[in-house]
Amino acid sequence: MRVDKQAYQPPSVTNTVKECRKILKSEGFTAFSLIFKRSQSLIPNIFFAFRQVTSTTSSQEIPLILAISSAT
């Protein structure tokens, strides 16, 4: 049985990062960096966190969204 690789197209990680940045900018965050995280579970969930950098406080890592959840 041949599997059509074009049949399933998971969301692009690049596009998801762009969406994350759009959300953060709309919320007024200017200095931040996105951190890529993958959980160690059987279902490969991809988490994004962002690091808010300010001049007054040390940088904090704050969970942002569950970007992609691959269902099997």
N, C-alpha and C. Protein backbone atom coordinates (compact mmCIF):
# COMPACT_ATOMS: atom_id res chain seq x y z
N MET A 1 0.84 -1.19 0.00
CA MET A 1 0.00 0.00 0.00
C MET A 1 0.88 1.25 0.00
N ARG A 2 0.61 2.13 -0.95
CA ARG A 2 1.40 3.35 -1.06
C ARG A 2 0.77 4.46 -0.23
N VAL A 3 1.59 5.16 0.52
CA VAL A 3 1.09 6.26 1.35
C VAL A 3 1.38 7.58 0.65
N ASP A 4 0.33 8.37 0.49
CA ASP A 4 0.50 9.67 -0.14
C ASP A 4 1.02 10.67 0.89
N LYS A 5 2.26 11.09 0.70
CA LYS A 5 2.86 12.00 1.67
C LYS A 5 2.22 13.39 1.64
N GLN A 6 1.55 13.71 0.55
CA GLN A 6 0.91 15.02 0.44
C GLN A 6 -0.44 15.05 1.15
N ALA A 7 -0.93 13.89 1.55
CA ALA A 7 -2.27 13.83 2.15
C ALA A 7 -2.33 14.58 3.47
N TYR A 8 -1.31 14.43 4.29
CA TYR A 8 -1.31 15.09 5.60
C TYR A 8 -0.21 16.13 5.66
N GLN A 9 -0.60 17.37 5.86
CA GLN A 9 0.36 18.46 6.00
C GLN A 9 0.22 19.06 7.39
N PRO A 10 1.11 18.73 8.31
CA PRO A 10 1.02 19.33 9.65
C PRO A 10 1.31 20.83 9.58
N PRO A 11 0.85 21.58 10.58
CA PRO A 11 1.12 23.02 10.58
C PRO A 11 2.62 23.30 10.58
N SER A 12 3.01 24.30 9.83
CA SER A 12 4.42 24.65 9.75
C SER A 12 4.87 25.30 11.05
N VAL A 13 6.01 24.85 11.56
CA VAL A 13 6.53 25.43 12.79
C VAL A 13 6.88 26.90 12.56
N THR A 14 7.41 27.20 11.36
CA THR A 14 7.76 28.59 11.04
C THR A 14 6.53 29.48 11.09
N ASN A 15 5.44 29.03 10.49
CA ASN A 15 4.21 29.82 10.51
C ASN A 15 3.68 29.97 11.93
N THR A 16 3.83 28.93 12.73
CA THR A 16 3.36 28.99 14.11
C THR A 16 4.16 30.01 14.90
N VAL A 17 5.46 30.05 14.67
CA VAL A 17 6.31 31.04 15.35
C VAL A 17 5.89 32.45 14.94
N LYS A 18 5.58 32.62 13.65
CA LYS A 18 5.12 33.93 13.18
C LYS A 18 3.84 34.34 13.88
N GLU A 19 2.93 33.37 14.06
CA GLU A 19 1.68 33.66 14.77
C GLU A 19 1.96 34.05 16.21
N CYS A 20 2.89 33.34 16.87
CA CYS A 20 3.26 33.65 18.25
C CYS A 20 3.79 35.07 18.35
N ARG A 21 4.66 35.42 17.42
CA ARG A 21 5.23 36.77 17.44
C ARG A 21 4.14 37.82 17.24
N LYS A 22 3.18 37.52 16.34
CA LYS A 22 2.09 38.46 16.08
C LYS A 22 1.27 38.69 17.34
N ILE A 23 0.98 37.59 18.06
CA ILE A 23 0.20 37.68 19.30
C ILE A 23 0.95 38.52 20.33
N LEU A 24 2.25 38.25 20.48
CA LEU A 24 3.04 38.98 21.48
C LEU A 24 3.13 40.46 21.15
N LYS A 25 3.35 40.78 19.87
CA LYS A 25 3.45 42.19 19.48
C LYS A 25 2.12 42.90 19.69
N SER A 26 1.02 42.21 19.44
CA SER A 26 -0.29 42.83 19.64
C SER A 26 -0.57 43.06 21.12
N GLU A 27 0.08 42.28 21.99
CA GLU A 27 -0.08 42.46 23.43
C GLU A 27 0.89 43.49 23.99
N GLY A 28 1.74 44.03 23.14
CA GLY A 28 2.64 45.10 23.58
C GLY A 28 4.03 44.66 23.98
N PHE A 29 4.36 43.40 23.76
CA PHE A 29 5.71 42.93 24.08
C PHE A 29 6.63 43.27 22.91
N THR A 30 7.75 43.87 23.22
CA THR A 30 8.68 44.22 22.15
C THR A 30 9.97 43.42 22.22
N ALA A 31 10.52 43.26 23.43
CA ALA A 31 11.77 42.52 23.58
C ALA A 31 11.48 41.12 24.09
N PHE A 32 11.50 40.16 23.21
CA PHE A 32 11.26 38.79 23.62
C PHE A 32 11.90 37.84 22.63
N SER A 33 12.10 36.62 23.04
CA SER A 33 12.58 35.59 22.13
C SER A 33 11.75 34.33 22.36
N LEU A 34 11.46 33.64 21.30
CA LEU A 34 10.67 32.41 21.42
C LEU A 34 11.59 31.22 21.62
N ILE A 35 11.16 30.33 22.49
CA ILE A 35 11.96 29.15 22.82
C ILE A 35 11.19 27.91 22.37
N PHE A 36 11.85 27.09 21.59
CA PHE A 36 11.24 25.88 21.05
C PHE A 36 11.36 24.74 22.05
N LYS A 37 10.23 24.11 22.35
CA LYS A 37 10.26 22.99 23.29
C LYS A 37 9.44 21.84 22.76
N ARG A 38 9.94 20.63 22.95
CA ARG A 38 9.19 19.44 22.55
C ARG A 38 9.07 18.55 23.78
N SER A 39 7.84 18.14 24.06
CA SER A 39 7.63 17.29 25.23
C SER A 39 8.14 15.88 24.94
N GLN A 40 8.35 15.12 25.98
CA GLN A 40 8.90 13.78 25.83
C GLN A 40 7.80 12.71 25.80
N SER A 41 6.57 13.12 25.59
CA SER A 41 5.47 12.16 25.59
C SER A 41 5.41 11.41 24.26
N LEU A 42 4.54 10.44 24.19
CA LEU A 42 4.39 9.65 22.97
C LEU A 42 3.82 10.48 21.83
N ILE A 43 2.90 11.36 22.16
CA ILE A 43 2.38 12.28 21.15
C ILE A 43 3.31 13.49 21.10
N PRO A 44 3.89 13.78 19.94
CA PRO A 44 4.88 14.86 19.88
C PRO A 44 4.25 16.25 19.94
N ASN A 45 3.96 16.70 21.14
CA ASN A 45 3.45 18.05 21.30
C ASN A 45 4.61 19.03 21.22
N ILE A 46 4.36 20.14 20.58
CA ILE A 46 5.40 21.16 20.48
C ILE A 46 4.92 22.38 21.25
N PHE A 47 5.67 22.76 22.25
CA PHE A 47 5.33 23.92 23.07
C PHE A 47 6.22 25.09 22.70
N PHE A 48 5.64 26.29 22.81
CA PHE A 48 6.44 27.48 22.65
C PHE A 48 6.38 28.28 23.94
N ALA A 49 7.49 28.83 24.31
CA ALA A 49 7.54 29.73 25.45
C ALA A 49 8.23 30.99 24.97
N PHE A 50 7.99 32.08 25.66
CA PHE A 50 8.72 33.27 25.26
C PHE A 50 9.46 33.85 26.45
N ARG A 51 10.60 34.41 26.15
CA ARG A 51 11.43 35.00 27.18
C ARG A 51 11.29 36.51 27.05
N GLN A 52 10.69 37.11 28.08
CA GLN A 52 10.51 38.55 28.08
C GLN A 52 11.75 39.20 28.68
N VAL A 53 12.35 40.11 27.95
CA VAL A 53 13.59 40.73 28.39
C VAL A 53 13.32 42.21 28.65
N THR A 54 13.54 42.62 29.88
CA THR A 54 13.38 44.04 30.22
C THR A 54 14.67 44.53 30.87
N SER A 55 14.80 45.83 30.92
CA SER A 55 16.03 46.38 31.48
C SER A 55 16.00 46.36 33.00
N THR A 56 14.81 46.30 33.58
CA THR A 56 14.70 46.39 35.04
C THR A 56 14.73 45.03 35.72
N THR A 57 14.25 44.00 35.04
CA THR A 57 14.21 42.68 35.65
C THR A 57 15.03 41.69 34.84
N SER A 58 15.35 40.60 35.47
CA SER A 58 16.03 39.54 34.74
C SER A 58 15.02 38.89 33.81
N SER A 59 15.51 38.25 32.77
CA SER A 59 14.60 37.66 31.80
C SER A 59 13.83 36.50 32.41
N GLN A 60 12.56 36.42 32.07
CA GLN A 60 11.70 35.36 32.58
C GLN A 60 11.21 34.51 31.42
N GLU A 61 11.14 33.23 31.65
CA GLU A 61 10.59 32.32 30.64
C GLU A 61 9.14 32.05 31.01
N ILE A 62 8.24 32.42 30.11
CA ILE A 62 6.81 32.30 30.38
C ILE A 62 6.18 31.41 29.31
N PRO A 63 5.47 30.35 29.71
CA PRO A 63 4.80 29.52 28.71
C PRO A 63 3.78 30.34 27.93
N LEU A 64 3.76 30.16 26.61
CA LEU A 64 2.86 30.95 25.77
C LEU A 64 1.65 30.15 25.32
N ILE A 65 1.84 29.22 24.41
CA ILE A 65 0.71 28.44 23.92
C ILE A 65 1.15 27.02 23.60
N LEU A 66 0.18 26.12 23.49
CA LEU A 66 0.43 24.81 22.90
C LEU A 66 0.25 25.00 21.39
N ALA A 67 1.35 25.04 20.70
CA ALA A 67 1.31 25.42 19.30
C ALA A 67 0.78 24.31 18.40
N ILE A 68 1.33 23.13 18.55
CA ILE A 68 0.94 22.02 17.67
C ILE A 68 0.70 20.77 18.51
N SER A 69 -0.40 20.11 18.26
CA SER A 69 -0.66 18.83 18.92
C SER A 69 -0.94 17.80 17.84
N SER A 70 -0.01 16.92 17.62
CA SER A 70 -0.14 15.92 16.56
C SER A 70 -0.94 14.72 17.04
N ALA A 71 -2.12 14.57 16.53
CA ALA A 71 -2.95 13.43 16.89
C ALA A 71 -2.64 12.27 15.96
N THR A 72 -2.60 11.07 16.52
CA THR A 72 -2.30 9.91 15.70
C THR A 72 -3.58 9.16 15.38
